[in-house]
Protein backbone atom coordinates (compact mmCIF):
# COMPACT_ATOMS: atom_id res chain seq x y z
CA MET A 1 0.16 0.21 -0.30
CA GLN A 2 1.33 3.60 -0.86
CA VAL A 3 0.25 6.00 1.44
CA ALA A 4 0.91 9.88 1.97
CA VAL A 5 1.06 11.38 4.91
CA PHE A 6 -0.16 14.59 5.46
CA SER A 7 1.12 17.22 7.98
CA ALA A 8 3.92 15.56 8.51
CA LYS A 9 6.37 16.74 11.27
CA ALA A 10 9.90 14.81 12.01
CA TYR A 11 8.20 13.12 15.02
CA ASP A 12 5.44 11.89 12.95
CA GLU A 13 8.08 10.49 10.46
CA GLN A 14 10.42 8.76 13.43
CA TYR A 15 7.31 6.84 15.11
CA LEU A 16 5.37 5.90 11.88
CA ASN A 17 8.71 4.81 10.08
CA GLN A 18 9.49 2.69 13.42
CA ALA A 19 6.07 0.88 12.33
CA ARG A 20 5.33 0.73 8.85
CA GLY A 21 6.07 -2.35 8.12
CA ASP A 22 5.88 -3.23 4.25
CA ILE A 23 3.93 0.14 3.75
CA SER A 24 5.58 2.52 1.61
CA LEU A 25 5.07 6.12 3.32
CA THR A 26 5.64 9.11 1.63
CA PHE A 27 5.92 12.16 4.09
CA ILE A 28 4.49 15.44 2.76
CA GLU A 29 4.27 18.79 5.46
CA SER A 30 1.67 20.53 3.95
CA ARG A 31 -1.60 19.95 5.28
CA LEU A 32 -4.28 18.19 3.34
CA ASN A 33 -6.69 20.67 1.84
CA LYS A 34 -8.38 21.63 -1.43
CA GLN A 35 -4.87 23.32 -2.00
CA THR A 36 -3.08 20.58 -1.78
CA VAL A 37 -5.07 17.37 -2.00
CA SER A 38 -3.26 16.73 -5.79
CA LEU A 39 -0.33 15.86 -3.98
CA ALA A 40 -2.35 12.84 -3.15
CA LYS A 41 -2.54 11.44 -6.95
CA GLY A 42 -1.46 7.98 -7.31
CA PHE A 43 -1.48 6.79 -3.40
CA ASP A 44 -3.98 4.13 -2.08
CA ALA A 45 -4.27 6.10 0.68
CA VAL A 46 -3.78 9.31 2.93
CA CYS A 47 -2.80 9.27 6.68
CA VAL A 48 -4.15 12.77 8.43
CA PHE A 49 -4.18 14.66 11.07
CA VAL A 50 -6.38 16.95 13.23
CA ASN A 51 -6.54 20.10 11.13
CA ASP A 52 -6.16 18.80 7.95
CA GLN A 53 -9.66 19.18 5.79
CA LEU A 54 -11.53 16.53 4.59
CA ASP A 55 -14.86 18.32 3.28
CA LYS A 56 -16.81 16.94 0.12
CA GLU A 57 -14.63 18.77 -2.23
CA VAL A 58 -11.61 17.45 -1.15
CA LEU A 59 -12.90 13.59 -0.57
CA SER A 60 -14.20 14.19 -4.47
CA ALA A 61 -11.05 15.02 -5.61
CA LEU A 62 -8.85 12.19 -3.49
CA HIS A 63 -11.67 9.60 -4.65
CA SER A 64 -11.10 10.55 -8.24
CA GLN A 65 -7.40 9.99 -7.81
CA GLY A 66 -7.57 6.93 -6.62
CA VAL A 67 -7.41 6.82 -2.80
CA ARG A 68 -9.81 4.55 -1.08
CA HIS A 69 -8.81 4.95 2.78
CA ILE A 70 -8.55 7.73 5.01
CA ALA A 71 -6.35 7.09 8.36
CA LEU A 72 -6.62 9.47 10.44
CA ARG A 73 -3.74 9.25 13.01
CA CYS A 74 -5.90 10.83 16.25
CA ALA A 75 -9.14 10.57 17.90
CA GLY A 76 -11.17 13.32 16.17
CA PHE A 77 -12.79 13.00 13.24
CA ASN A 78 -14.93 15.99 12.98
CA ASN A 79 -12.83 17.21 10.22
CA VAL A 80 -14.14 14.61 7.97
CA ASP A 81 -17.19 14.47 5.89
CA LEU A 82 -18.04 10.86 6.77
CA ASP A 83 -21.61 11.20 4.69
CA SER A 84 -19.50 12.03 1.57
CA ALA A 85 -17.38 9.63 2.55
CA LYS A 86 -19.57 6.70 2.76
CA ALA A 87 -21.25 7.62 -0.35
CA LEU A 88 -17.50 7.80 -2.55
CA GLY A 89 -16.85 4.18 -1.06
CA ILE A 90 -13.44 5.73 0.99
CA GLY A 91 -13.20 4.04 4.39
CA VAL A 92 -12.18 6.04 7.01
CA SER A 93 -10.44 4.46 10.81
CA ARG A 94 -9.25 6.60 13.49
CA VAL A 95 -6.95 6.22 16.65
CA PRO A 96 -9.88 5.68 19.40
CA ALA A 97 -7.37 5.35 21.82
CA TYR A 98 -4.13 6.18 22.49
CA SER A 99 -2.72 6.72 25.74
CA PRO A 100 -5.77 8.92 27.66
CA GLU A 101 -3.27 9.23 30.55
CA ALA A 102 -1.18 11.88 28.55
CA VAL A 103 -3.94 13.88 28.07
CA ALA A 104 -4.98 13.94 31.03
CA GLU A 105 -1.97 14.36 32.93
CA HIS A 106 -1.53 17.66 30.56
CA THR A 107 -4.87 18.89 31.80
CA LEU A 108 -3.78 18.39 35.61
CA ALA A 109 -0.34 20.17 34.47
CA LEU A 110 -2.63 23.10 32.96
CA VAL A 111 -4.65 23.35 36.31
CA LEU A 112 -1.42 23.35 38.44
CA THR A 113 0.46 25.89 36.75
CA LEU A 114 -2.64 28.36 36.28
CA ASN A 115 -3.75 27.56 40.29
CA ARG A 116 0.30 27.67 41.66
CA LYS A 117 1.34 30.40 38.87
CA LEU A 118 4.16 28.34 37.90
CA HIS A 119 4.89 29.89 34.53
CA LYS A 120 5.13 33.36 36.44
CA ALA A 121 7.52 32.10 38.87
CA TYR A 122 9.83 30.50 36.79
CA ASN A 123 9.99 33.69 34.98
CA ARG A 124 10.57 36.04 37.75
CA ILE A 125 13.12 33.53 39.27
CA LYS A 126 15.37 33.76 36.27
CA GLU A 127 14.99 37.64 36.58
CA GLY A 128 15.91 37.57 40.35
CA ASN A 129 12.99 38.18 41.69
CA PHE A 130 11.89 36.25 44.89
CA SER A 131 9.05 37.75 45.54
CA LEU A 132 5.77 35.77 46.22
CA ASP A 133 3.52 38.79 45.73
CA GLY A 134 0.75 37.89 42.98
CA LEU A 135 1.63 33.73 43.57
CA LEU A 136 -1.18 33.06 46.09
CA GLY A 137 -2.83 29.93 44.62
CA PHE A 138 -5.44 27.22 46.06
CA ASN A 139 -5.55 23.68 47.78
CA LEU A 140 -6.81 21.61 45.36
CA HIS A 141 -7.84 18.79 48.23
CA GLY A 142 -11.34 19.24 48.77
CA LYS A 143 -12.29 21.10 45.63
CA THR A 144 -15.36 20.50 43.21
CA ILE A 145 -14.05 19.29 40.01
CA GLY A 146 -16.38 19.47 37.06
CA LEU A 147 -15.62 16.66 34.28
CA ILE A 148 -17.41 17.11 30.81
CA GLY A 149 -17.56 14.01 29.39
CA THR A 150 -16.06 10.74 30.99
CA GLY A 151 -14.52 8.43 27.96
CA ARG A 152 -11.13 7.15 28.19
CA ILE A 153 -9.46 10.40 28.58
CA GLY A 154 -12.44 11.86 31.18
CA ILE A 155 -11.79 8.56 33.14
CA ALA A 156 -8.29 9.16 33.29
CA THR A 157 -8.48 12.72 34.52
CA ALA A 158 -10.78 11.96 37.41
CA ARG A 159 -8.36 9.03 38.75
CA LEU A 160 -5.92 12.12 38.66
CA PHE A 161 -8.24 14.72 40.50
CA HIS A 162 -9.79 11.74 43.25
CA GLY A 163 -6.07 11.52 43.75
CA PHE A 164 -5.82 14.87 44.81
CA GLY A 165 -8.72 14.64 47.42
CA CYS A 166 -11.06 16.39 45.01
CA GLN A 167 -14.77 15.71 44.59
CA LEU A 168 -16.16 14.71 41.54
CA LEU A 169 -19.08 16.23 39.13
CA CYS A 170 -19.81 14.71 36.01
CA HIS A 171 -21.87 14.74 32.98
CA ASP A 172 -21.97 12.19 29.69
CA PRO A 173 -25.05 10.54 28.38
CA TYR A 174 -23.13 7.38 29.13
CA PRO A 175 -22.00 6.79 33.20
CA SER A 176 -18.88 5.29 33.97
CA ALA A 177 -19.05 2.65 36.70
CA GLU A 178 -15.43 3.11 37.14
CA VAL A 179 -15.82 7.23 37.75
CA ILE A 180 -18.90 6.44 39.75
CA GLN A 181 -16.59 3.55 41.67
CA LEU A 182 -13.83 6.70 42.28
CA GLY A 183 -17.12 8.98 44.13
CA GLY A 184 -18.08 10.92 41.02
CA GLN A 185 -21.49 12.00 40.83
CA TYR A 186 -23.46 12.53 37.24
CA VAL A 187 -25.26 15.31 37.23
CA ALA A 188 -27.15 17.67 34.41
CA MET A 189 -25.11 20.03 32.79
CA ASP A 190 -26.69 23.46 34.94
CA GLU A 191 -25.91 21.64 37.70
CA LEU A 192 -22.01 20.88 37.18
CA CYS A 193 -21.83 24.29 35.73
CA GLU A 194 -23.09 25.82 38.98
CA ARG A 195 -21.03 23.99 41.52
CA ALA A 196 -17.74 22.97 40.61
CA ASP A 197 -14.71 25.18 41.00
CA ILE A 198 -12.78 23.43 38.23
CA ILE A 199 -14.73 22.55 34.73
CA SER A 200 -12.33 20.46 32.40
CA LEU A 201 -14.08 19.45 28.98
CA HIS A 202 -13.31 16.05 27.91
CA CYS A 203 -15.78 15.07 25.00
CA PRO A 204 -15.57 14.81 21.14
CA LEU A 205 -16.79 17.90 19.08
CA THR A 206 -20.19 17.13 17.22
CA PRO A 207 -23.29 19.75 15.86
CA ASP A 208 -24.37 19.07 19.42
CA THR A 209 -21.63 20.20 21.48
CA ARG A 210 -20.37 22.79 19.39
CA HIS A 211 -19.99 26.00 21.78
CA LEU A 212 -21.10 23.57 24.60
CA ILE A 213 -19.64 26.58 26.45
CA ASP A 214 -21.31 29.45 25.88
CA ALA A 215 -22.67 32.51 27.49
CA LYS A 216 -25.65 31.31 29.24
CA ARG A 217 -23.45 28.10 30.61
CA LEU A 218 -20.82 30.51 31.61
CA ALA A 219 -23.29 32.74 33.37
CA LYS A 220 -24.24 29.94 35.38
CA MET A 221 -20.70 29.40 36.77
CA LYS A 222 -19.06 30.26 40.15
CA ASN A 223 -17.12 33.71 40.06
CA GLY A 224 -13.68 32.72 39.57
CA VAL A 225 -14.20 29.73 38.17
CA MET A 226 -11.50 27.43 36.20
CA LEU A 227 -12.10 26.70 32.79
CA ILE A 228 -9.91 24.05 30.96
CA ASN A 229 -10.28 22.68 27.15
CA THR A 230 -8.16 20.06 26.26
CA SER A 231 -10.43 18.69 23.78
CA ARG A 232 -11.55 20.54 21.08
CA GLY A 233 -11.28 24.15 20.50
CA ALA A 234 -14.99 24.59 19.33
CA LEU A 235 -16.70 23.06 22.39
CA VAL A 236 -15.96 26.74 23.52
CA ASP A 237 -17.33 29.61 22.20
CA THR A 238 -13.78 31.95 22.25
CA GLN A 239 -15.95 35.28 21.91
CA ALA A 240 -18.03 34.48 25.22
CA VAL A 241 -15.19 33.09 27.25
CA ILE A 242 -13.21 36.74 26.40
CA GLN A 243 -16.16 38.14 27.66
CA ALA A 244 -16.45 36.15 30.70
CA LEU A 245 -12.65 37.12 31.46
CA LYS A 246 -13.05 40.99 31.39
CA SER A 247 -16.20 40.37 33.39
CA GLN A 248 -13.94 37.92 36.07
CA LYS A 249 -16.15 35.38 35.62
CA ILE A 250 -13.85 33.30 34.63
CA GLY A 251 -10.73 33.30 36.54
CA PHE A 252 -8.25 31.24 35.34
CA LEU A 253 -8.13 29.74 31.93
CA GLY A 254 -6.17 26.76 30.63
CA LEU A 255 -6.49 25.84 26.56
CA ASP A 256 -4.51 23.02 24.63
CA VAL A 257 -6.90 23.50 21.99
CA TYR A 258 -8.50 27.05 20.13
CA GLU A 259 -11.45 27.19 17.73
CA MET A 260 -9.43 28.67 14.90
CA GLU A 261 -6.00 26.63 15.86
CA GLY A 262 -5.68 25.32 11.93
CA ASP A 263 -4.13 28.28 11.38
CA LEU A 264 -1.60 28.97 13.87
CA PHE A 265 -1.27 25.35 15.88
CA PHE A 266 1.72 22.71 14.97
CA GLU A 267 4.00 25.69 13.44
CA ASP A 268 6.45 28.26 14.22
CA LEU A 269 4.85 31.57 13.65
CA SER A 270 7.75 33.13 16.02
CA ASN A 271 8.97 35.92 13.10
CA GLN A 272 5.57 36.23 11.61
CA ILE A 273 2.82 38.78 12.70
CA ILE A 274 -0.26 36.70 14.08
CA GLN A 275 -3.32 38.19 12.07
CA ASP A 276 -5.94 36.38 14.36
CA ASP A 277 -7.15 38.99 16.41
CA VAL A 278 -9.11 36.82 19.01
CA PHE A 279 -6.78 34.69 19.83
CA GLN A 280 -3.92 37.72 20.39
CA ARG A 281 -6.59 39.33 22.43
CA LEU A 282 -6.70 35.82 24.60
CA CYS A 283 -2.73 36.07 25.28
CA THR A 284 -3.34 39.59 26.71
CA PHE A 285 -5.05 37.94 29.98
CA PRO A 286 -2.75 37.28 32.54
CA ASN A 287 -4.88 34.49 33.74
CA VAL A 288 -5.18 32.69 30.52
CA LEU A 289 -2.23 29.87 29.56
CA ILE A 290 -2.28 28.14 26.23
CA THR A 291 -0.40 25.32 25.02
CA GLY A 292 -0.20 24.67 21.79
CA HIS A 293 -2.35 20.84 21.19
CA GLN A 294 0.28 19.06 22.80
CA GLY A 295 -1.92 17.35 25.23
CA PHE A 296 -1.27 13.57 23.06
CA PHE A 297 2.75 14.36 22.52
CA THR A 298 4.58 12.08 25.31
CA GLN A 299 6.27 9.27 23.40
CA GLU A 300 3.91 6.35 24.84
CA ALA A 301 1.27 7.95 22.71
CA LEU A 302 3.03 8.34 19.59
CA CYS A 303 4.11 4.71 19.75
CA GLN A 304 0.46 4.16 19.99
CA ILE A 305 -0.85 6.44 17.35
CA ALA A 306 1.61 5.08 14.63
CA ALA A 307 0.96 1.23 15.74
CA VAL A 308 -2.75 1.73 15.16
CA THR A 309 -2.45 4.13 12.43
CA LEU A 310 -0.58 1.57 10.42
CA ASN A 311 -2.44 -1.45 11.69
CA ASN A 312 -5.75 0.22 10.59
CA LEU A 313 -3.85 0.79 6.86
CA ARG A 314 -2.85 -2.78 6.90
CA LEU A 315 -6.58 -3.68 7.54
CA ALA A 316 -8.13 -1.44 4.71
CA GLY A 317 -5.46 -2.68 2.24
CA GLN A 318 -6.84 -6.64 3.43
CA GLY A 319 -10.71 -5.14 3.15
CA LYS A 320 -11.04 -6.13 6.89
CA SER A 321 -11.33 -2.54 7.78
CA ASP A 322 -14.27 -1.77 10.21
CA ASP A 323 -14.24 2.22 9.30
CA LEU A 324 -15.84 5.21 10.60
CA THR A 325 -18.07 5.90 7.36
CA ARG A 326 -20.61 2.87 8.87
CA LEU A 327 -21.41 5.00 11.51
CA ALA A 328 -22.40 7.89 9.24
């Protein structure tokens, strides 16, 4: 099987090559979209990531060029028009679980860094400033954590917060027995928003969850709430969040994802003028911490992503893949 790997970075090449076996991989740094889809000509399959665009137009072009399978090296598939893929007979596979602890631990890192202001303390010490003014935090022990989504990553996150002695409030249409055993209580979304000191998002992006956190939900939250998103950027209405930061409804904001991250993340733009005014506004708040979609970025996760992705491609080549288009 000949596979074109789009949005390829050096680490993708390293880990995918380790698992490639008899599959031929061609690494393409560009993202897959309607401008670059011609690069897939002559390949049996494409391997893509979170910010590649696979809408109806791109899928039609892929089909006309002979591509018969799309291997997502991520869990989310909101960037793929599954109905169009199904109609065209293009299979779509993903990596539904890859070291959920990686994202859960990054979630905790954002919480601890924001709370204890570790990023600010680091910079102060580098400058010889040992004052503690402005660095006051709070104990996590005894705080109420609101987990929206308790799939694999949500469960891993629940374990971590349980270890800190936190109370767990959860919202998910499919309650987890493990979370309940940890003392987690499943409640309605509004009740979670009203009671939680820290709210963390761990759910997929679908038409129903887009802007799940909007102005109305933000208004229900405690004053000074901490909001963390390590799932998908569009779960959060960014403009509403900015207003909540200005009014001090949100006391702390930690993001590893962003609504319009496709134009920013995974690239070195340090020598350019960033044109996204909304993102730039977010960066001006002293109580906001943003990382560039690195929650998944551990050695263990990359190994698992590569292994599952390549296995999906092998199964597709044998006509055995149980692909996502059957869910469309």
